[in-house]
Protein backbone atom coordinates (compact mmCIF):
# COMPACT_ATOMS: atom_id res chain seq x y z
CA MET A 1 -0.33 0.03 -0.04
CA THR A 2 1.21 3.46 -0.82
CA ALA A 3 0.64 6.76 0.66
CA GLN A 4 0.38 8.16 -2.96
CA LYS A 5 -2.80 6.94 -4.37
CA PRO A 6 -4.25 8.15 -7.81
CA ALA A 7 -7.68 9.28 -8.06
CA THR A 8 -8.45 6.43 -10.77
CA ALA A 9 -7.87 2.79 -10.56
CA LEU A 10 -4.52 1.48 -12.10
CA PRO A 11 -3.24 -0.40 -14.31
CA TYR A 12 -3.15 2.84 -16.70
CA ARG A 13 -2.83 2.39 -20.51
CA THR A 14 -2.21 5.11 -23.43
CA GLY A 15 -4.72 5.56 -26.16
CA PRO A 16 -6.30 8.28 -28.45
CA ALA A 17 -6.55 11.58 -26.55
CA SER A 18 -10.23 12.30 -25.51
CA THR A 19 -11.50 14.26 -28.42
CA LEU A 20 -10.97 14.10 -32.00
CA GLU A 21 -9.39 17.63 -32.32
CA ALA A 22 -6.73 16.53 -29.67
CA ASN A 23 -6.31 13.28 -31.77
CA LYS A 24 -5.67 15.23 -35.19
CA LEU A 25 -2.83 17.07 -33.23
CA GLY A 26 -0.91 13.98 -31.92
CA ILE A 27 -2.06 14.25 -28.43
CA ARG A 28 -2.21 10.92 -26.40
CA GLY A 29 -4.65 10.10 -23.73
CA ILE A 30 -3.77 8.22 -20.52
CA TRP A 31 -7.09 6.04 -19.65
CA THR A 32 -8.14 3.37 -17.10
CA ALA A 33 -7.65 -0.16 -17.86
CA ASP A 34 -11.28 -0.30 -19.03
CA LYS A 35 -10.81 2.60 -21.21
CA LYS A 36 -13.77 4.19 -19.78
CA THR A 37 -12.24 7.20 -17.78
CA GLY A 38 -9.96 9.69 -19.09
CA VAL A 39 -6.84 10.09 -16.76
CA ALA A 40 -5.09 12.58 -18.87
CA ASP A 41 -4.23 13.84 -22.51
CA VAL A 42 -0.24 14.11 -22.82
CA TYR A 43 1.02 16.79 -25.17
CA GLY A 44 4.10 16.14 -27.20
CA HIS A 45 5.48 13.05 -27.91
CA ARG A 46 3.86 9.84 -27.14
CA GLU A 47 7.00 8.68 -25.62
CA ASN A 48 5.86 10.61 -22.75
CA ALA A 49 2.29 9.35 -22.37
CA ALA A 50 4.05 5.57 -22.62
CA TYR A 51 6.75 6.85 -19.64
CA ILE A 52 4.09 8.56 -17.44
CA VAL A 53 1.66 5.21 -17.80
CA HIS A 54 4.89 3.13 -17.08
CA ALA A 55 5.97 4.74 -14.22
CA ALA A 56 2.42 5.34 -12.59
CA ASN A 57 1.86 1.54 -12.83
CA ALA A 58 5.08 0.33 -11.78
CA TYR A 59 4.95 3.02 -8.62
CA PRO A 60 3.21 0.46 -5.98
CA LYS A 61 5.38 -2.22 -6.99
CA LEU A 62 8.35 -0.18 -6.58
CA VAL A 63 7.44 1.54 -3.05
CA GLU A 64 6.90 -2.14 -1.69
CA ALA A 65 10.23 -3.27 -3.11
CA LEU A 66 11.75 -0.31 -1.13
CA ARG A 67 9.80 -1.11 2.32
CA ASN A 68 11.06 -4.46 1.82
CA VAL A 69 14.69 -3.54 1.56
CA GLU A 70 14.34 -1.11 4.43
CA GLU A 71 13.09 -3.88 6.50
CA LEU A 72 15.75 -6.18 5.60
CA LEU A 73 18.45 -3.45 5.95
CA ALA A 74 16.73 -2.65 9.50
CA ASP A 75 17.32 -6.20 10.72
CA LEU A 76 20.75 -6.36 9.55
CA GLU A 77 21.44 -2.92 11.66
CA ARG A 78 19.55 -4.04 14.77
CA GLY A 79 22.13 -7.16 14.16
CA GLY A 80 24.96 -4.82 14.26
CA ALA A 81 25.92 -4.58 10.65
CA GLU A 82 26.49 -1.21 9.47
CA ASN A 83 24.38 -0.25 6.19
CA PRO A 84 24.90 3.42 4.51
CA GLU A 85 22.29 1.90 2.31
CA PHE A 86 19.86 1.96 5.01
CA GLU A 87 19.49 5.80 4.96
CA GLN A 88 19.56 5.98 1.33
CA VAL A 89 16.31 3.71 1.33
CA ARG A 90 14.74 5.69 3.87
CA ALA A 91 15.29 9.02 2.16
CA LEU A 92 14.04 7.79 -0.74
CA LEU A 93 10.99 6.75 0.78
CA ARG A 94 10.68 10.30 2.39
CA GLU A 95 11.49 12.06 -0.80
CA LEU A 96 8.50 9.95 -2.32
CA GLY A 97 6.01 10.96 0.17
CA GLU A 98 6.06 7.45 1.47
CA ALA A 99 7.82 7.57 4.80
CA GLU A 100 7.96 10.29 7.79
């Protein structure tokens, strides 16, 4: 579970923009998986929409993996091992708004 939650359910997909005029301009849309709800129209290169969708869909998995690494490093630290990576992981989770 992440602290940062989208207003609509993941996964997102790319597709045509929400209006015919936008489609003529080459604008891509970001949609919910069922393609019933538009999330955003992305101006510029199609790759931008693909990147945004990829990042949004991967975000919960990345946060979960970071939390697992944080837990493992904390266990090692409690056992007496020094782990400079522990603070790096915690700092990244804080930067993402996923830790205090």
